[in-house]
Amino acid sequence: MASRYLEPRIERASRAELTRLQTRKLREQVRHAASASPFYRRKFRAAGVRPERIRTLADLRALPFTTKDELKDNQAAKPLWGDLLAVPFEDVLRVHMTSATTGRPLAVLDTAADWHGFYHSYARSLHAFGVRRADMVMAAFSYGPWIGYWSGFYAAQDLGCCVFPAGGLSTDQRLDALLTYPITVLGCTPSYALFLAEAAAKKGIDLARQTQVRITWHTGEPGASIPATKARIEAAFGARAYDLPGLTEIAAWGFECDARAGLTHVHEDYCYPEVLDEQDRPVGPGGRGELVFTSLYRKAMPLVRYRTRDLVQVADRKCPCGRTLLAFEGGVLARLDDMKKVRGIIVYPRRIEELVRPHADVDEFQIVFRRHEGLDDILVRIDPSPTLSSAEREKLGARLADDLRTGLGIRVTVEVGEPGTLPRFDHKARRVKDERTEVPF
């Protein structure tokens, strides 16, 4: 029987072994960043830090944080790549872009070794889901400079899988491929998985019965770590769905495993994690805080203490799978950048999705933060199932309003529209709008 571990030496290493490996890689990265990246040379000098004094993992706390805004400002001031770049440009193999709603996206450059590290960590995640060499894999992400398509494609190849290229195909073409070819693994955003299922249903296609898909994996947004969203995807495809959190700037840093215990493991040999409270102090098992990563493998653009703005909770239990890597409860719990304040109440869009998705008759939704009659208000627009009558739609709206008021502790306006009126997404979903001109944060 094939091992559930792609690299058991790492995945089941003792804490002492992992610490030795991380310490060695950290020293190398800090020295490399200080000597080869003008960006970090300035940061370390301004912080009064001498790289040679970073000897242990605990010493990392003496180093300054890095933020995405800093990187974007640096590239804007010194186009095209900024001066974070720590290798000659001729050594760069690939360029990828982060997604961006405003302004130019952040460009992330990789050497050949960097790129191998990114997709190989991704491959370890796919293996943990149960993907094997005999599988045929479709990576149904947008084809372009975004890393999701390329890393999923290369990761499946890394495992020896037959890969069906689908980056440039339409939804109809992808459905036809799923029906025609023995595709057993599908990768896409959770929003697109639900859209694919909806498009199939309109054509009378039962994906769970008419395709061979047994595993789906989802990245780019947190939907697959939300139980109700995951359950809906699994029912539509008759498959097991897995969440794969990642950052273009860091790595495909985490993965669920086939034990399905609600834990997300971290590739600690690729990126060193810190989980910090509001005072930037490390939290212990069971504690929640912001996830901060230091890259342990990337040489073109080494990132030290990179603030992800992701909220996570450190697990205080072991996973039945036997892995010893650090794990988080439920993956990414929220994006701190998405936090909204409405009439004194903190609201995260993810929490709204957790409350909306259990309603089976909601095909799509949209969240609007607005000013209404002089007060902050949350409007949740609902795209209902076309099978509902007018009376049933009205009841759905009332049930949702009750659930949202109870779950958020604040009154929410629910608007049930006509079926099919809200946008669908084949990349990262854009379900949240903030129409307020002045907001607390």
Protein backbone atom coordinates (compact mmCIF):
# COMPACT_ATOMS: atom_id res chain seq x y z
CA MET A 1 0.00 0.00 0.00
CA ALA A 2 1.30 3.47 -0.94
CA SER A 3 2.47 5.63 1.94
CA ARG A 4 0.24 8.49 3.04
CA TYR A 5 3.43 10.59 3.30
CA LEU A 6 5.32 11.88 0.28
CA GLU A 7 8.34 12.74 2.44
CA PRO A 8 8.00 11.02 5.82
CA ARG A 9 11.43 12.22 6.94
CA ILE A 10 10.06 15.78 7.00
CA GLU A 11 6.38 15.15 7.66
CA ARG A 12 7.08 12.99 10.72
CA ALA A 13 10.29 14.62 11.93
CA SER A 14 10.81 15.26 15.61
CA ARG A 15 10.60 18.84 16.81
CA ALA A 16 14.36 18.78 17.46
CA GLU A 17 15.07 17.67 13.88
CA LEU A 18 12.78 20.33 12.42
CA THR A 19 14.31 23.02 14.62
CA ARG A 20 17.82 22.12 13.45
CA LEU A 21 16.74 22.24 9.81
CA GLN A 22 14.84 25.52 10.22
CA THR A 23 17.69 27.15 12.13
CA ARG A 24 20.21 26.30 9.42
CA LYS A 25 17.94 27.56 6.66
CA LEU A 26 17.05 30.71 8.59
CA ARG A 27 20.70 31.67 9.06
CA GLU A 28 21.32 31.14 5.33
CA GLN A 29 18.30 33.22 4.33
CA VAL A 30 19.08 36.13 6.64
CA ARG A 31 22.69 36.26 5.44
CA HIS A 32 21.55 36.05 1.81
CA ALA A 33 18.91 38.79 2.23
CA ALA A 34 21.34 41.11 3.98
CA SER A 35 24.13 40.66 1.45
CA ALA A 36 22.18 40.46 -1.83
CA SER A 37 18.96 42.47 -1.37
CA PRO A 38 19.28 46.28 -1.06
CA PHE A 39 15.71 46.31 0.32
CA TYR A 40 16.67 44.14 3.30
CA ARG A 41 20.05 45.75 3.74
CA ARG A 42 18.23 49.03 4.42
CA LYS A 43 15.62 47.40 6.67
CA PHE A 44 18.17 45.54 8.79
CA ARG A 45 20.36 48.62 9.11
CA ALA A 46 17.40 50.79 10.14
CA ALA A 47 16.42 48.19 12.76
CA GLY A 48 19.97 48.02 14.09
CA VAL A 49 20.21 44.31 13.32
CA ARG A 50 23.42 42.54 12.38
CA PRO A 51 22.66 39.36 10.40
CA GLU A 52 25.48 37.39 12.01
CA ARG A 53 23.72 37.75 15.37
CA ILE A 54 20.69 35.81 14.14
CA ARG A 55 21.70 32.39 15.40
CA THR A 56 18.50 30.77 16.66
CA LEU A 57 14.81 30.78 15.78
CA ALA A 58 14.17 32.93 18.86
CA ASP A 59 16.52 35.58 17.42
CA LEU A 60 14.08 36.04 14.54
CA ARG A 61 12.05 38.37 16.76
CA ALA A 62 14.83 40.95 16.54
CA LEU A 63 14.18 41.32 12.80
CA PRO A 64 11.67 43.82 11.38
CA PHE A 65 8.40 42.79 9.78
CA THR A 66 7.76 42.98 6.04
CA THR A 67 4.35 43.95 4.61
CA LYS A 68 2.75 43.63 1.21
CA ASP A 69 2.25 47.40 1.05
CA GLU A 70 6.00 47.85 1.49
CA LEU A 71 6.69 45.52 -1.40
CA LYS A 72 4.14 47.21 -3.67
CA ASP A 73 5.51 50.66 -2.79
CA ASN A 74 9.04 49.42 -3.46
CA GLN A 75 8.12 48.12 -6.91
CA ALA A 76 6.25 51.34 -7.70
CA ALA A 77 9.24 53.46 -6.67
CA LYS A 78 11.80 51.25 -8.42
CA PRO A 79 10.00 49.62 -11.36
CA LEU A 80 9.64 46.93 -12.40
CA TRP A 81 10.77 44.60 -9.62
CA GLY A 82 11.89 46.93 -6.84
CA ASP A 83 15.21 46.27 -5.14
CA LEU A 84 14.07 43.33 -3.03
CA LEU A 85 15.44 41.13 -5.84
CA ALA A 86 18.46 39.27 -4.44
CA VAL A 87 19.76 37.50 -7.56
CA PRO A 88 20.79 38.78 -11.00
CA PHE A 89 17.75 39.14 -13.25
CA GLU A 90 19.22 36.64 -15.72
CA ASP A 91 18.92 33.99 -13.00
CA VAL A 92 15.14 34.48 -12.84
CA LEU A 93 13.07 31.71 -14.41
CA ARG A 94 9.48 32.82 -13.74
CA VAL A 95 7.35 35.84 -12.95
CA HIS A 96 3.97 35.54 -11.20
CA MET A 97 1.54 38.18 -10.02
CA THR A 98 -0.61 38.46 -6.94
CA SER A 99 -4.26 39.28 -7.50
CA ALA A 100 -5.18 42.94 -6.99
CA THR A 101 -8.44 44.87 -6.91
CA THR A 102 -6.75 48.25 -7.30
CA GLY A 103 -3.39 49.33 -8.72
CA ARG A 104 -0.70 47.16 -10.25
CA PRO A 105 -0.41 43.67 -8.73
CA LEU A 106 2.74 42.63 -6.93
CA ALA A 107 5.25 40.83 -9.15
CA VAL A 108 7.00 37.83 -7.58
CA LEU A 109 10.12 36.44 -9.25
CA ASP A 110 11.62 32.97 -8.84
CA THR A 111 14.80 31.18 -9.78
CA ALA A 112 14.54 27.61 -11.09
CA ALA A 113 15.23 26.29 -7.58
CA ASP A 114 12.68 28.68 -6.06
CA TRP A 115 10.00 27.55 -8.50
CA HIS A 116 10.76 23.88 -7.78
CA GLY A 117 10.34 24.58 -4.07
CA PHE A 118 6.96 26.22 -4.64
CA TYR A 119 5.43 23.46 -6.75
CA HIS A 120 7.08 20.63 -4.84
CA SER A 121 5.56 21.81 -1.56
CA TYR A 122 2.27 21.94 -3.47
CA ALA A 123 2.84 18.36 -4.64
CA ARG A 124 3.32 17.25 -1.05
CA SER A 125 -0.08 18.77 -0.30
CA LEU A 126 -1.75 16.94 -3.20
CA HIS A 127 -0.21 13.68 -2.05
CA ALA A 128 -1.62 14.27 1.44
CA PHE A 129 -5.10 14.58 -0.13
CA GLY A 130 -4.66 11.16 -1.70
CA VAL A 131 -3.59 12.18 -5.22
CA ARG A 132 -1.41 9.48 -6.79
CA ARG A 133 0.48 8.79 -10.00
CA ALA A 134 -2.49 6.89 -11.51
CA ASP A 135 -4.73 9.97 -11.34
CA MET A 136 -5.63 12.25 -14.22
CA VAL A 137 -5.67 15.82 -12.94
CA MET A 138 -7.45 18.93 -14.24
CA ALA A 139 -6.24 22.29 -12.89
CA ALA A 140 -9.19 24.52 -13.75
CA PHE A 141 -7.71 27.88 -12.79
CA SER A 142 -7.38 30.95 -14.99
CA TYR A 143 -4.44 30.80 -17.37
CA GLY A 144 -2.20 33.83 -16.93
CA PRO A 145 0.40 35.29 -14.55
CA TRP A 146 -1.42 34.02 -11.44
CA ILE A 147 0.38 31.23 -9.68
CA GLY A 148 -2.63 29.00 -8.90
CA TYR A 149 -2.88 27.41 -12.34
CA TRP A 150 0.84 26.89 -12.86
CA SER A 151 1.64 25.53 -9.41
CA GLY A 152 -1.26 23.06 -9.47
CA PHE A 153 -0.27 21.90 -12.96
CA TYR A 154 3.41 21.46 -12.09
CA ALA A 155 2.63 19.85 -8.73
CA ALA A 156 0.51 17.17 -10.37
CA GLN A 157 3.28 16.57 -12.90
CA ASP A 158 5.75 16.33 -10.03
CA LEU A 159 3.73 13.41 -8.65
CA GLY A 160 3.80 11.73 -12.06
CA CYS A 161 0.09 12.30 -12.77
CA CYS A 162 -1.35 12.68 -16.24
CA VAL A 163 -2.39 16.34 -16.40
CA PHE A 164 -5.29 17.59 -18.52
CA PRO A 165 -4.56 21.26 -19.39
CA ALA A 166 -7.69 23.36 -18.85
CA GLY A 167 -6.42 26.86 -18.10
CA GLY A 168 -7.76 28.41 -21.31
CA LEU A 169 -10.97 26.38 -21.62
CA SER A 170 -14.49 27.71 -21.12
CA THR A 171 -16.80 26.27 -18.47
CA ASP A 172 -18.71 24.30 -21.13
CA GLN A 173 -15.45 22.86 -22.46
CA ARG A 174 -14.35 21.88 -18.96
CA LEU A 175 -17.68 20.15 -18.32
CA ASP A 176 -17.32 18.27 -21.59
CA ALA A 177 -13.81 17.18 -20.61
CA LEU A 178 -14.99 15.96 -17.20
CA LEU A 179 -17.67 13.88 -18.91
CA THR A 180 -15.40 12.57 -21.67
CA TYR A 181 -12.03 11.87 -20.07
CA PRO A 182 -11.08 9.81 -16.99
CA ILE A 183 -10.32 12.91 -14.89
CA THR A 184 -10.19 11.85 -11.24
CA VAL A 185 -8.85 15.02 -9.57
CA LEU A 186 -10.06 18.58 -10.05
CA GLY A 187 -8.40 21.74 -8.74
CA CYS A 188 -10.08 25.17 -8.77
CA THR A 189 -11.28 27.94 -6.47
CA PRO A 190 -14.22 26.92 -4.27
CA SER A 191 -16.37 29.58 -5.95
CA TYR A 192 -15.66 28.09 -9.35
CA ALA A 193 -16.41 24.57 -8.14
CA LEU A 194 -19.88 25.74 -7.11
CA PHE A 195 -20.35 27.61 -10.40
CA LEU A 196 -19.24 24.53 -12.34
CA ALA A 197 -21.79 22.45 -10.45
CA GLU A 198 -24.50 25.02 -11.10
CA ALA A 199 -23.67 25.14 -14.82
CA ALA A 200 -23.75 21.34 -14.95
CA ALA A 201 -27.15 21.18 -13.25
CA LYS A 202 -28.60 23.59 -15.82
CA LYS A 203 -27.51 21.15 -18.52
CA GLY A 204 -28.97 18.19 -16.68
CA ILE A 205 -25.52 16.84 -15.81
CA ASP A 206 -25.04 15.01 -12.52
CA LEU A 207 -21.32 15.45 -11.84
CA ALA A 208 -21.40 13.00 -8.92
CA ARG A 209 -22.76 10.22 -11.13
CA GLN A 210 -21.46 11.05 -14.58
CA THR A 211 -17.80 11.87 -13.90
CA GLN A 212 -14.93 9.98 -12.31
CA VAL A 213 -13.80 12.81 -10.03
CA ARG A 214 -12.88 11.46 -6.58
CA ILE A 215 -10.83 14.37 -5.15
CA THR A 216 -11.19 18.12 -5.52
CA TRP A 217 -8.78 20.66 -4.09
CA HIS A 218 -9.40 24.35 -3.65
CA THR A 219 -7.20 27.39 -3.19
CA GLY A 220 -7.28 31.14 -3.79
CA GLU A 221 -10.00 31.81 -1.19
CA PRO A 222 -11.06 30.19 2.10
CA GLY A 223 -14.36 28.61 1.04
CA ALA A 224 -13.19 25.00 1.18
CA SER A 225 -12.24 25.41 4.85
CA ILE A 226 -15.84 26.41 5.65
CA PRO A 227 -17.73 23.18 6.46
CA ALA A 228 -20.98 24.16 4.72
CA THR A 229 -19.19 25.23 1.54
CA LYS A 230 -17.07 22.10 1.54
CA ALA A 231 -20.16 19.91 2.04
CA ARG A 232 -21.88 21.57 -0.91
CA ILE A 233 -18.88 20.94 -3.19
CA GLU A 234 -18.59 17.33 -2.04
CA ALA A 235 -22.28 16.68 -2.67
CA ALA A 236 -22.10 18.19 -6.16
CA PHE A 237 -19.07 16.18 -7.27
CA GLY A 238 -19.48 13.05 -5.15
CA ALA A 239 -15.86 13.58 -4.16
CA ARG A 240 -13.72 14.54 -1.21
CA ALA A 241 -12.88 18.26 -1.16
CA TYR A 242 -9.68 19.64 0.38
CA ASP A 243 -8.46 23.13 1.22
CA LEU A 244 -4.97 24.24 0.16
CA PRO A 245 -4.01 27.66 1.57
CA GLY A 246 -1.14 29.49 -0.04
CA LEU A 247 0.44 32.85 -0.83
CA THR A 248 2.10 33.79 -4.10
CA GLU A 249 4.75 35.62 -2.07
CA ILE A 250 5.56 32.66 0.23
CA ALA A 251 4.47 29.16 -0.81
CA ALA A 252 1.59 26.75 -1.00
CA TRP A 253 2.19 26.75 2.72
CA GLY A 254 -0.42 24.39 4.13
CA PHE A 255 -2.65 21.42 3.53
CA GLU A 256 -5.41 19.33 4.95
CA CYS A 257 -4.76 15.60 5.02
CA ASP A 258 -6.72 12.44 4.37
CA ALA A 259 -7.45 12.09 8.11
CA ARG A 260 -9.93 14.97 7.62
CA ALA A 261 -9.59 16.01 11.25
CA GLY A 262 -10.19 19.73 10.68
CA LEU A 263 -6.47 20.58 10.86
CA THR A 264 -4.25 22.37 8.36
CA HIS A 265 -0.59 21.30 8.42
CA VAL A 266 2.24 23.73 7.62
CA HIS A 267 5.23 23.02 5.37
CA GLU A 268 7.66 24.08 8.07
CA ASP A 269 10.74 23.23 6.04
CA TYR A 270 9.73 25.78 3.39
CA CYS A 271 8.42 28.61 5.53
CA TYR A 272 8.90 29.27 9.23
CA PRO A 273 5.60 30.25 10.89
CA GLU A 274 4.98 32.65 13.75
CA VAL A 275 1.49 33.26 15.16
CA LEU A 276 1.38 36.61 16.94
CA ASP A 277 -1.22 38.36 19.07
CA GLU A 278 -2.18 42.04 18.77
CA GLN A 279 0.97 43.04 20.66
CA ASP A 280 3.11 40.91 18.30
CA ARG A 281 3.76 38.31 21.00
CA PRO A 282 3.76 34.61 20.06
CA VAL A 283 0.69 32.64 21.08
CA GLY A 284 0.77 29.08 22.38
CA PRO A 285 -1.32 26.00 21.54
CA GLY A 286 -4.97 26.99 21.28
CA GLY A 287 -4.10 30.65 20.78
CA ARG A 288 -5.24 32.82 17.88
CA GLY A 289 -3.22 35.44 16.08
CA GLU A 290 -1.83 36.76 12.82
CA LEU A 291 0.23 34.35 10.76
CA VAL A 292 3.71 35.66 9.94
CA PHE A 293 6.03 33.73 7.61
CA THR A 294 9.75 33.76 6.90
CA SER A 295 10.66 32.04 3.66
CA LEU A 296 13.27 29.33 4.12
CA TYR A 297 13.85 28.49 0.47
CA ARG A 298 13.27 31.41 -1.91
CA LYS A 299 16.43 33.17 -3.08
CA ALA A 300 15.20 35.59 -5.76
CA MET A 301 12.80 37.38 -3.41
CA PRO A 302 13.51 36.23 0.15
CA LEU A 303 10.85 37.40 2.58
CA VAL A 304 11.60 37.84 6.28
CA ARG A 305 8.78 38.04 8.84
CA TYR A 306 6.12 38.64 6.20
CA ARG A 307 2.77 39.66 7.68
CA THR A 308 0.16 37.57 5.89
CA ARG A 309 -2.84 39.32 7.54
CA ASP A 310 -4.36 35.85 7.97
CA LEU A 311 -5.93 34.94 11.31
CA VAL A 312 -5.20 31.38 12.47
CA GLN A 313 -5.48 29.28 15.62
CA VAL A 314 -2.62 27.03 16.70
CA ALA A 315 -3.83 23.48 17.23
CA ASP A 316 -3.49 21.99 20.71
CA ARG A 317 -4.04 18.41 19.56
CA LYS A 318 -2.27 15.88 17.36
CA CYS A 319 -3.59 14.85 13.98
CA PRO A 320 -4.52 11.17 13.56
CA CYS A 321 -2.43 11.12 10.38
CA GLY A 322 0.77 11.03 12.46
CA ARG A 323 2.36 14.16 10.99
CA THR A 324 4.37 16.22 13.45
CA LEU A 325 4.26 19.49 11.49
CA LEU A 326 2.64 22.50 13.14
CA ALA A 327 -1.09 22.58 12.46
CA PHE A 328 -3.89 25.15 12.60
CA GLU A 329 -7.50 24.56 13.54
CA GLY A 330 -9.75 25.06 10.52
CA GLY A 331 -7.13 26.67 8.29
CA VAL A 332 -7.33 30.43 7.77
CA LEU A 333 -10.14 31.69 9.99
CA ALA A 334 -10.33 35.23 8.59
CA ARG A 335 -8.43 37.91 6.73
CA LEU A 336 -7.55 40.77 9.05
CA ASP A 337 -7.65 43.09 6.02
CA ASP A 338 -11.29 42.05 5.49
CA MET A 339 -12.35 43.01 9.01
CA LYS A 340 -15.24 45.49 9.07
CA LYS A 341 -16.85 47.41 11.90
CA VAL A 342 -20.63 47.91 11.69
CA ARG A 343 -22.36 49.82 14.49
CA GLY A 344 -19.59 48.85 16.90
CA ILE A 345 -19.59 45.15 15.92
CA ILE A 346 -16.60 43.47 14.23
CA VAL A 347 -17.75 41.50 11.18
CA TYR A 348 -15.74 39.20 8.89
CA PRO A 349 -17.13 38.27 5.45
CA ARG A 350 -16.06 34.67 6.04
CA ARG A 351 -18.44 34.48 9.01
CA ILE A 352 -21.29 35.65 6.79
CA GLU A 353 -20.46 32.87 4.32
CA GLU A 354 -20.49 30.35 7.17
CA LEU A 355 -24.06 31.42 7.95
CA VAL A 356 -25.31 31.67 4.36
CA ARG A 357 -23.91 28.46 2.82
CA PRO A 358 -25.91 25.96 4.95
CA HIS A 359 -29.05 27.21 3.16
CA ALA A 360 -29.24 24.83 0.22
CA ASP A 361 -31.52 27.12 -1.80
CA VAL A 362 -28.90 29.90 -2.02
CA ASP A 363 -27.06 29.57 -5.34
CA GLU A 364 -24.93 32.72 -4.91
CA PHE A 365 -24.68 35.74 -2.62
CA GLN A 366 -23.15 39.18 -2.33
CA ILE A 367 -22.24 41.25 0.74
CA VAL A 368 -22.55 45.03 0.68
CA PHE A 369 -21.43 47.28 3.54
CA ARG A 370 -23.27 50.58 3.17
CA ARG A 371 -24.78 53.62 4.87
CA HIS A 372 -28.56 53.33 5.05
CA GLU A 373 -30.75 56.00 6.61
CA GLY A 374 -27.71 57.47 8.34
CA LEU A 375 -26.52 54.18 9.85
CA ASP A 376 -24.00 51.52 8.84
CA ASP A 377 -25.80 48.50 7.42
CA ILE A 378 -24.98 45.10 5.96
CA LEU A 379 -26.94 44.14 2.86
CA VAL A 380 -26.78 40.48 1.84
CA ARG A 381 -28.09 39.93 -1.67
CA ILE A 382 -29.23 36.41 -2.42
CA ASP A 383 -29.44 34.60 -5.74
CA PRO A 384 -32.04 31.90 -4.98
CA SER A 385 -32.53 28.50 -6.56
CA PRO A 386 -34.78 28.83 -9.64
CA THR A 387 -36.98 26.05 -8.23
CA LEU A 388 -38.32 28.32 -5.46
CA SER A 389 -41.70 30.00 -5.68
CA SER A 390 -42.15 33.64 -4.69
CA ALA A 391 -43.51 32.61 -1.29
CA GLU A 392 -40.57 30.25 -0.72
CA ARG A 393 -38.11 33.00 -1.61
CA GLU A 394 -39.71 35.26 0.96
CA LYS A 395 -39.41 32.56 3.63
CA LEU A 396 -35.76 31.96 2.65
CA GLY A 397 -35.03 35.67 3.14
CA ALA A 398 -36.66 35.66 6.57
CA ARG A 399 -34.74 32.56 7.71
CA LEU A 400 -31.46 34.03 6.51
CA ALA A 401 -32.10 37.34 8.26
CA ASP A 402 -32.77 35.47 11.52
CA ASP A 403 -29.64 33.31 11.19
CA LEU A 404 -27.44 36.29 10.33
CA ARG A 405 -28.80 38.38 13.21
CA THR A 406 -28.17 35.52 15.64
CA GLY A 407 -24.76 34.60 14.24
CA LEU A 408 -23.39 38.13 13.90
CA GLY A 409 -25.15 39.83 16.78
CA ILE A 410 -26.40 42.59 14.49
CA ARG A 411 -29.39 43.14 12.22
CA VAL A 412 -28.72 42.41 8.55
CA THR A 413 -30.81 43.38 5.52
CA VAL A 414 -31.46 40.40 3.24
CA GLU A 415 -32.53 40.99 -0.35
CA VAL A 416 -33.65 37.95 -2.37
CA GLY A 417 -33.40 38.72 -6.09
CA GLU A 418 -34.15 36.87 -9.29
CA PRO A 419 -32.24 33.64 -9.97
CA GLY A 420 -29.06 34.07 -12.00
CA THR A 421 -28.65 37.82 -11.47
CA LEU A 422 -25.50 37.87 -9.32
CA PRO A 423 -22.06 37.41 -10.91
CA ARG A 424 -20.21 34.08 -10.87
CA PHE A 425 -16.45 33.71 -10.68
CA ASP A 426 -13.84 31.45 -12.30
CA HIS A 427 -11.00 32.96 -10.26
CA LYS A 428 -11.11 34.57 -6.82
CA ALA A 429 -14.63 35.64 -5.94
CA ARG A 430 -15.43 39.35 -5.51
CA ARG A 431 -18.53 39.01 -3.34
CA VAL A 432 -17.82 41.84 -0.92
CA LYS A 433 -18.38 45.56 -1.57
CA ASP A 434 -17.89 48.43 0.87
CA GLU A 435 -19.80 51.45 -0.38
CA ARG A 436 -19.14 53.57 2.70
CA THR A 437 -16.94 56.59 2.09
CA GLU A 438 -15.78 56.78 5.70
CA VAL A 439 -15.19 53.56 7.61
CA PRO A 440 -13.39 52.86 10.90
CA PHE A 441 -11.15 50.25 9.13
